[in-house]
């Protein structure tokens, strides 16, 4: 799996709005993005309201007024459309990691790339991502799909690092462990964020939870369960 920003264009530059960027695109591209966003918004709303299993592809395509053929131009499955905000995030993360300075502690590099990616995403993404995470936490099929995509994204990250780092460094077991720790810290932050009341589950809260998770890593690595008396 190779994820690119072209595949998940809703991620944007800091300070710009989705409407601003949309106006800059050719008409055909604007229509394509509007259809994609409508499918994501409809799927997340229907899954939350009617249940993931009970919602059919016909339900989604009928509401958006597109054919199944059109749906499959954008998404591979019901799970895929539900995870669209997550995939957009990791595509943007790869862009940021590909351009950032890799010097210094690698956990710090990953942490900065995560928070930088959160700052980059546009306003519509934030709401969709919150809806998507609540579904992932409650629907086993989406939990499994999210874990699978996370593993694929990790592979993409290691592939990127292998192209940027000196030979041998990208295969260092310490780098792979640091990436796994990063993913674990991120998923802990997401779990707590999804469990928070909707009114407080905004982007600054997710940044704060991500910072807290990374701050806990040194103690977590050395954590010892107290023995029983």
C-alpha atoms as a PDB file:
ATOM      1  CA  UNK A   1       0.000   0.000   0.000  1.00  0.00           C
ATOM      2  CA  UNK A   2       1.313   3.405  -0.958  1.00  0.00           C
ATOM      3  CA  UNK A   3      -0.560   6.416   0.344  1.00  0.00           C
ATOM      4  CA  UNK A   4      -0.114   9.780  -1.304  1.00  0.00           C
ATOM      5  CA  UNK A   5      -1.452  13.250  -0.708  1.00  0.00           C
ATOM      6  CA  UNK A   6      -2.910  13.162  -4.218  1.00  0.00           C
ATOM      7  CA  UNK A   7      -5.140  10.269  -3.143  1.00  0.00           C
ATOM      8  CA  UNK A   8      -6.321  12.146  -0.049  1.00  0.00           C
ATOM      9  CA  UNK A   9      -6.309  15.776  -1.073  1.00  0.00           C
ATOM     10  CA  UNK A  10      -8.545  17.242   1.707  1.00  0.00           C
ATOM     11  CA  UNK A  11      -5.459  17.730   3.866  1.00  0.00           C
ATOM     12  CA  UNK A  12      -4.367  21.322   3.423  1.00  0.00           C
ATOM     13  CA  UNK A  13      -1.877  23.976   4.290  1.00  0.00           C
ATOM     14  CA  UNK A  14      -1.979  25.734   7.674  1.00  0.00           C
ATOM     15  CA  UNK A  15      -4.189  28.789   7.733  1.00  0.00           C
ATOM     16  CA  UNK A  16      -6.094  28.001   4.541  1.00  0.00           C
ATOM     17  CA  UNK A  17      -9.685  26.830   4.426  1.00  0.00           C
ATOM     18  CA  UNK A  18     -11.191  23.977   2.460  1.00  0.00           C
ATOM     19  CA  UNK A  19     -13.341  26.444   0.508  1.00  0.00           C
ATOM     20  CA  UNK A  20     -10.284  28.528  -0.444  1.00  0.00           C
ATOM     21  CA  UNK A  21      -8.395  25.519  -1.748  1.00  0.00           C
ATOM     22  CA  UNK A  22     -11.459  24.183  -3.549  1.00  0.00           C
ATOM     23  CA  UNK A  23     -11.860  27.398  -5.521  1.00  0.00           C
ATOM     24  CA  UNK A  24      -8.275  27.123  -6.749  1.00  0.00           C
ATOM     25  CA  UNK A  25      -8.911  23.749  -8.413  1.00  0.00           C
ATOM     26  CA  UNK A  26     -10.254  23.045 -11.921  1.00  0.00           C
ATOM     27  CA  UNK A  27     -14.018  22.492 -12.116  1.00  0.00           C
ATOM     28  CA  UNK A  28     -13.730  18.763 -12.720  1.00  0.00           C
ATOM     29  CA  UNK A  29     -11.485  18.332  -9.677  1.00  0.00           C
ATOM     30  CA  UNK A  30     -13.846  20.412  -7.533  1.00  0.00           C
ATOM     31  CA  UNK A  31     -16.748  18.154  -8.509  1.00  0.00           C
ATOM     32  CA  UNK A  32     -14.685  15.059  -7.770  1.00  0.00           C
ATOM     33  CA  UNK A  33     -13.750  16.315  -4.319  1.00  0.00           C
ATOM     34  CA  UNK A  34     -17.320  17.357  -3.529  1.00  0.00           C
ATOM     35  CA  UNK A  35     -18.566  13.878  -4.440  1.00  0.00           C
ATOM     36  CA  UNK A  36     -15.874  12.248  -2.322  1.00  0.00           C
ATOM     37  CA  UNK A  37     -16.638  14.451   0.666  1.00  0.00           C
ATOM     38  CA  UNK A  38     -20.370  13.877   0.302  1.00  0.00           C
ATOM     39  CA  UNK A  39     -19.814  10.117   0.379  1.00  0.00           C
ATOM     40  CA  UNK A  40     -17.646  10.404   3.501  1.00  0.00           C
ATOM     41  CA  UNK A  41     -20.094  12.677   5.322  1.00  0.00           C
ATOM     42  CA  UNK A  42     -23.076  10.525   4.366  1.00  0.00           C
ATOM     43  CA  UNK A  43     -21.361   7.283   5.355  1.00  0.00           C
ATOM     44  CA  UNK A  44     -20.232   8.569   8.754  1.00  0.00           C
ATOM     45  CA  UNK A  45     -23.686   9.996   9.517  1.00  0.00           C
ATOM     46  CA  UNK A  46     -25.533   6.847   8.415  1.00  0.00           C
ATOM     47  CA  UNK A  47     -23.155   4.505  10.250  1.00  0.00           C
ATOM     48  CA  UNK A  48     -23.587   6.515  13.453  1.00  0.00           C
ATOM     49  CA  UNK A  49     -27.363   6.765  13.100  1.00  0.00           C
ATOM     50  CA  UNK A  50     -28.359   3.401  11.627  1.00  0.00           C
ATOM     51  CA  UNK A  51     -25.377   1.213  12.475  1.00  0.00           C
ATOM     52  CA  UNK A  52     -22.483   0.114  10.292  1.00  0.00           C
ATOM     53  CA  UNK A  53     -23.808  -3.364   9.563  1.00  0.00           C
ATOM     54  CA  UNK A  54     -27.336  -2.184   8.753  1.00  0.00           C
ATOM     55  CA  UNK A  55     -26.194   0.523   6.346  1.00  0.00           C
ATOM     56  CA  UNK A  56     -25.847  -0.728   2.777  1.00  0.00           C
ATOM     57  CA  UNK A  57     -23.956   0.653  -0.179  1.00  0.00           C
ATOM     58  CA  UNK A  58     -27.338   1.302  -1.774  1.00  0.00           C
ATOM     59  CA  UNK A  59     -28.225   3.510   1.190  1.00  0.00           C
ATOM     60  CA  UNK A  60     -25.086   5.583   0.669  1.00  0.00           C
ATOM     61  CA  UNK A  61     -25.202   5.868  -3.101  1.00  0.00           C
ATOM     62  CA  UNK A  62     -28.925   6.636  -3.138  1.00  0.00           C
ATOM     63  CA  UNK A  63     -28.529   9.468  -0.645  1.00  0.00           C
ATOM     64  CA  UNK A  64     -25.609  11.022  -2.510  1.00  0.00           C
ATOM     65  CA  UNK A  65     -27.278  10.224  -5.855  1.00  0.00           C
ATOM     66  CA  UNK A  66     -24.348   8.425  -7.427  1.00  0.00           C
ATOM     67  CA  UNK A  67     -23.960   4.930  -8.828  1.00  0.00           C
ATOM     68  CA  UNK A  68     -22.088   2.092  -7.143  1.00  0.00           C
ATOM     69  CA  UNK A  69     -19.593   2.341  -9.969  1.00  0.00           C
ATOM     70  CA  UNK A  70     -18.917   5.928  -8.937  1.00  0.00           C
ATOM     71  CA  UNK A  71     -18.596   4.893  -5.288  1.00  0.00           C
ATOM     72  CA  UNK A  72     -15.909   2.365  -6.185  1.00  0.00           C
ATOM     73  CA  UNK A  73     -13.925   5.021  -8.022  1.00  0.00           C
ATOM     74  CA  UNK A  74     -13.294   6.595  -4.621  1.00  0.00           C
ATOM     75  CA  UNK A  75     -13.503   3.789  -2.065  1.00  0.00           C
ATOM     76  CA  UNK A  76     -12.926   0.059  -1.995  1.00  0.00           C
ATOM     77  CA  UNK A  77     -15.547  -0.797   0.615  1.00  0.00           C
ATOM     78  CA  UNK A  78     -17.847   0.411   3.399  1.00  0.00           C
ATOM     79  CA  UNK A  79     -14.881   0.220   5.763  1.00  0.00           C
ATOM     80  CA  UNK A  80     -12.704   2.243   3.416  1.00  0.00           C
ATOM     81  CA  UNK A  81     -15.048   5.233   3.311  1.00  0.00           C
ATOM     82  CA  UNK A  82     -15.368   5.210   7.114  1.00  0.00           C
ATOM     83  CA  UNK A  83     -11.578   5.336   7.466  1.00  0.00           C
ATOM     84  CA  UNK A  84     -11.113   8.106   4.890  1.00  0.00           C
ATOM     85  CA  UNK A  85     -10.229  10.789   7.517  1.00  0.00           C
ATOM     86  CA  UNK A  86      -7.634   8.471   9.056  1.00  0.00           C
ATOM     87  CA  UNK A  87      -6.088   7.757   5.665  1.00  0.00           C
ATOM     88  CA  UNK A  88      -6.003  11.462   4.866  1.00  0.00           C
ATOM     89  CA  UNK A  89      -4.120  12.026   8.123  1.00  0.00           C
ATOM     90  CA  UNK A  90      -1.434   9.432   7.406  1.00  0.00           C
ATOM     91  CA  UNK A  91      -1.007  10.701   3.832  1.00  0.00           C
ATOM     92  CA  UNK A  92      -0.379  14.200   5.188  1.00  0.00           C
ATOM     93  CA  UNK A  93       1.940  12.768   7.871  1.00  0.00           C
ATOM     94  CA  UNK A  94       4.077  11.149   5.168  1.00  0.00           C
ATOM     95  CA  UNK A  95       4.326  14.479   3.349  1.00  0.00           C
ATOM     96  CA  UNK A  96       5.444  16.266   6.499  1.00  0.00           C
ATOM     97  CA  UNK A  97       7.867  13.539   7.570  1.00  0.00           C
ATOM     98  CA  UNK A  98       9.347  13.531   4.072  1.00  0.00           C
ATOM     99  CA  UNK A  99      10.209  17.219   4.350  1.00  0.00           C
ATOM    100  CA  UNK A 100      11.224  17.571   8.006  1.00  0.00           C
ATOM    101  CA  UNK A 101      14.668  17.500   9.601  1.00  0.00           C
ATOM    102  CA  UNK A 102      15.386  13.964  10.786  1.00  0.00           C
ATOM    103  CA  UNK A 103      18.183  14.906  13.188  1.00  0.00           C
ATOM    104  CA  UNK A 104      17.819  14.429  16.938  1.00  0.00           C
ATOM    105  CA  UNK A 105      15.862  11.881  18.972  1.00  0.00           C
ATOM    106  CA  UNK A 106      13.623   9.962  16.592  1.00  0.00           C
ATOM    107  CA  UNK A 107      10.646   9.941  18.965  1.00  0.00           C
ATOM    108  CA  UNK A 108      10.811  13.728  18.972  1.00  0.00           C
ATOM    109  CA  UNK A 109      10.845  13.749  15.162  1.00  0.00           C
ATOM    110  CA  UNK A 110       7.763  11.529  15.013  1.00  0.00           C
ATOM    111  CA  UNK A 111       6.009  13.546  17.720  1.00  0.00           C
ATOM    112  CA  UNK A 112       6.606  16.830  15.899  1.00  0.00           C
ATOM    113  CA  UNK A 113       5.435  15.306  12.630  1.00  0.00           C
ATOM    114  CA  UNK A 114       2.202  14.115  14.260  1.00  0.00           C
ATOM    115  CA  UNK A 115       1.375  17.486  15.804  1.00  0.00           C
ATOM    116  CA  UNK A 116       2.433  19.264  12.621  1.00  0.00           C
ATOM    117  CA  UNK A 117       0.059  17.073  10.649  1.00  0.00           C
ATOM    118  CA  UNK A 118      -2.795  17.888  13.023  1.00  0.00           C
ATOM    119  CA  UNK A 119      -2.145  21.589  12.472  1.00  0.00           C
ATOM    120  CA  UNK A 120      -2.169  21.095   8.711  1.00  0.00           C
ATOM    121  CA  UNK A 121      -5.551  19.345   8.388  1.00  0.00           C
ATOM    122  CA  UNK A 122      -8.523  21.507   7.428  1.00  0.00           C
ATOM    123  CA  UNK A 123     -11.679  22.260   9.409  1.00  0.00           C
ATOM    124  CA  UNK A 124     -13.962  19.726   7.727  1.00  0.00           C
ATOM    125  CA  UNK A 125     -11.456  16.957   8.392  1.00  0.00           C
ATOM    126  CA  UNK A 126     -11.523  17.549  12.159  1.00  0.00           C
ATOM    127  CA  UNK A 127     -15.254  16.836  12.462  1.00  0.00           C
ATOM    128  CA  UNK A 128     -15.083  13.823  10.147  1.00  0.00           C
ATOM    129  CA  UNK A 129     -12.108  12.367  11.982  1.00  0.00           C
ATOM    130  CA  UNK A 130     -13.896  12.639  15.329  1.00  0.00           C
ATOM    131  CA  UNK A 131     -16.929  10.831  13.889  1.00  0.00           C
ATOM    132  CA  UNK A 132     -14.699   8.200  12.310  1.00  0.00           C
ATOM    133  CA  UNK A 133     -12.791   7.522  15.549  1.00  0.00           C
ATOM    134  CA  UNK A 134     -15.983   7.064  17.548  1.00  0.00           C
ATOM    135  CA  UNK A 135     -17.097   4.468  15.004  1.00  0.00           C
ATOM    136  CA  UNK A 136     -13.707   2.733  15.019  1.00  0.00           C
ATOM    137  CA  UNK A 137     -13.884   2.418  18.805  1.00  0.00           C
ATOM    138  CA  UNK A 138     -17.323   0.783  18.697  1.00  0.00           C
ATOM    139  CA  UNK A 139     -17.472  -1.291  15.489  1.00  0.00           C
ATOM    140  CA  UNK A 140     -15.202  -4.383  15.438  1.00  0.00           C
ATOM    141  CA  UNK A 141     -14.977  -4.454  11.633  1.00  0.00           C
ATOM    142  CA  UNK A 142     -13.745  -0.866  11.609  1.00  0.00           C
ATOM    143  CA  UNK A 143     -11.358  -1.507  14.506  1.00  0.00           C
ATOM    144  CA  UNK A 144      -9.763  -4.313  12.493  1.00  0.00           C
ATOM    145  CA  UNK A 145      -9.630  -2.202   9.322  1.00  0.00           C
ATOM    146  CA  UNK A 146      -8.036   0.682  11.224  1.00  0.00           C
ATOM    147  CA  UNK A 147      -5.365  -1.590  12.695  1.00  0.00           C
ATOM    148  CA  UNK A 148      -4.639  -3.013   9.255  1.00  0.00           C
ATOM    149  CA  UNK A 149      -4.292   0.436   7.735  1.00  0.00           C
ATOM    150  CA  UNK A 150      -2.069   1.534  10.616  1.00  0.00           C
ATOM    151  CA  UNK A 151       0.247  -1.404   9.882  1.00  0.00           C
ATOM    152  CA  UNK A 152       0.312  -0.430   6.197  1.00  0.00           C
ATOM    153  CA  UNK A 153       1.050   3.192   7.062  1.00  0.00           C
ATOM    154  CA  UNK A 154       3.923   2.042   9.292  1.00  0.00           C
ATOM    155  CA  UNK A 155       5.361   0.168   6.332  1.00  0.00           C
ATOM    156  CA  UNK A 156       5.097   3.312   4.207  1.00  0.00           C
ATOM    157  CA  UNK A 157       6.862   5.330   6.909  1.00  0.00           C
ATOM    158  CA  UNK A 158       9.728   2.839   7.088  1.00  0.00           C
ATOM    159  CA  UNK A 159       9.945   2.896   3.295  1.00  0.00           C
ATOM    160  CA  UNK A 160      10.203   6.687   3.334  1.00  0.00           C
ATOM    161  CA  UNK A 161      12.885   6.606   6.029  1.00  0.00           C
ATOM    162  CA  UNK A 162      14.870   4.011   4.085  1.00  0.00           C
ATOM    163  CA  UNK A 163      15.074   6.501   1.228  1.00  0.00           C
ATOM    164  CA  UNK A 164      16.120   9.416   3.459  1.00  0.00           C
ATOM    165  CA  UNK A 165      18.475   7.792   5.965  1.00  0.00           C
ATOM    166  CA  UNK A 166      21.951   6.368   5.353  1.00  0.00           C
ATOM    167  CA  UNK A 167      22.086   2.676   4.375  1.00  0.00           C
ATOM    168  CA  UNK A 168      21.462   0.480   7.390  1.00  0.00           C
ATOM    169  CA  UNK A 169      19.913   3.114   9.619  1.00  0.00           C
ATOM    170  CA  UNK A 170      16.372   2.488   8.384  1.00  0.00           C
ATOM    171  CA  UNK A 171      16.773  -1.218   9.209  1.00  0.00           C
ATOM    172  CA  UNK A 172      17.957  -0.495  12.752  1.00  0.00           C
ATOM    173  CA  UNK A 173      15.692  -2.325  15.168  1.00  0.00           C
ATOM    174  CA  UNK A 174      15.700   0.737  17.434  1.00  0.00           C
ATOM    175  CA  UNK A 175      14.102   2.829  14.690  1.00  0.00           C
ATOM    176  CA  UNK A 176      11.363   0.256  14.139  1.00  0.00           C
ATOM    177  CA  UNK A 177      10.712   0.039  17.879  1.00  0.00           C
ATOM    178  CA  UNK A 178      10.542   3.843  18.079  1.00  0.00           C
ATOM    179  CA  UNK A 179       7.962   3.842  15.288  1.00  0.00           C
ATOM    180  CA  UNK A 180       5.898   1.187  17.078  1.00  0.00           C
ATOM    181  CA  UNK A 181       6.048   3.274  20.276  1.00  0.00           C
ATOM    182  CA  UNK A 182       4.925   6.299  18.284  1.00  0.00           C
ATOM    183  CA  UNK A 183       1.952   4.421  16.849  1.00  0.00           C
ATOM    184  CA  UNK A 184       1.034   3.089  20.300  1.00  0.00           C
ATOM    185  CA  UNK A 185       1.200   6.582  21.861  1.00  0.00           C
ATOM    186  CA  UNK A 186      -0.906   7.990  19.031  1.00  0.00           C
ATOM    187  CA  UNK A 187      -3.533   5.276  19.367  1.00  0.00           C
ATOM    188  CA  UNK A 188      -3.727   5.829  23.136  1.00  0.00           C
ATOM    189  CA  UNK A 189      -4.341   9.526  22.486  1.00  0.00           C
ATOM    190  CA  UNK A 190      -7.018   8.668  19.914  1.00  0.00           C
ATOM    191  CA  UNK A 191      -8.747   6.278  22.298  1.00  0.00           C
ATOM    192  CA  UNK A 192      -9.005   8.924  25.010  1.00  0.00           C
ATOM    193  CA  UNK A 193     -10.078  11.544  22.467  1.00  0.00           C
ATOM    194  CA  UNK A 194     -12.861   9.374  21.078  1.00  0.00           C
ATOM    195  CA  UNK A 195     -14.105   8.668  24.604  1.00  0.00           C
ATOM    196  CA  UNK A 196     -14.315  12.373  25.478  1.00  0.00           C
ATOM    197  CA  UNK A 197     -17.630  14.267  25.236  1.00  0.00           C
ATOM    198  CA  UNK A 198     -18.205  15.504  21.689  1.00  0.00           C
ATOM    199  CA  UNK A 199     -18.127  19.123  22.883  1.00  0.00           C
ATOM    200  CA  UNK A 200     -14.506  18.750  24.059  1.00  0.00           C
ATOM    201  CA  UNK A 201     -13.204  16.441  21.318  1.00  0.00           C
ATOM    202  CA  UNK A 202     -11.598  19.178  19.264  1.00  0.00           C
ATOM    203  CA  UNK A 203      -8.160  19.442  17.693  1.00  0.00           C
ATOM    204  CA  UNK A 204      -6.412  21.224  20.613  1.00  0.00           C
ATOM    205  CA  UNK A 205      -7.650  18.450  22.901  1.00  0.00           C
ATOM    206  CA  UNK A 206      -6.178  15.801  20.594  1.00  0.00           C
ATOM    207  CA  UNK A 207      -2.858  17.667  20.461  1.00  0.00           C
ATOM    208  CA  UNK A 208      -2.828  17.815  24.274  1.00  0.00           C
ATOM    209  CA  UNK A 209      -3.592  14.095  24.548  1.00  0.00           C
ATOM    210  CA  UNK A 210      -0.847  13.309  22.041  1.00  0.00           C
ATOM    211  CA  UNK A 211       1.645  15.386  24.045  1.00  0.00           C
ATOM    212  CA  UNK A 212       0.574  13.600  27.226  1.00  0.00           C
ATOM    213  CA  UNK A 213       1.006  10.171  25.631  1.00  0.00           C
ATOM    214  CA  UNK A 214       4.521  10.975  24.412  1.00  0.00           C
ATOM    215  CA  UNK A 215       5.443  12.473  27.785  1.00  0.00           C
ATOM    216  CA  UNK A 216       4.470   9.149  29.400  1.00  0.00           C
ATOM    217  CA  UNK A 217       6.696   7.049  27.121  1.00  0.00           C
ATOM    218  CA  UNK A 218       9.933   7.148  29.223  1.00  0.00           C
ATOM    219  CA  UNK A 219       8.108   6.040  32.376  1.00  0.00           C
ATOM    220  CA  UNK A 220       6.088   3.476  30.403  1.00  0.00           C
ATOM    221  CA  UNK A 221       9.229   1.820  29.052  1.00  0.00           C
ATOM    222  CA  UNK A 222      10.599   1.411  32.579  1.00  0.00           C
ATOM    223  CA  UNK A 223       7.257   0.767  34.251  1.00  0.00           C
ATOM    224  CA  UNK A 224       7.349  -2.022  36.855  1.00  0.00           C
ATOM    225  CA  UNK A 225       4.206  -3.594  38.212  1.00  0.00           C
ATOM    226  CA  UNK A 226       4.365  -3.466  42.030  1.00  0.00           C
ATOM    227  CA  UNK A 227       4.729  -6.904  43.525  1.00  0.00           C
ATOM    228  CA  UNK A 228       2.067  -8.269  45.814  1.00  0.00           C
ATOM    229  CA  UNK A 229       2.845  -8.340  49.490  1.00  0.00           C
END
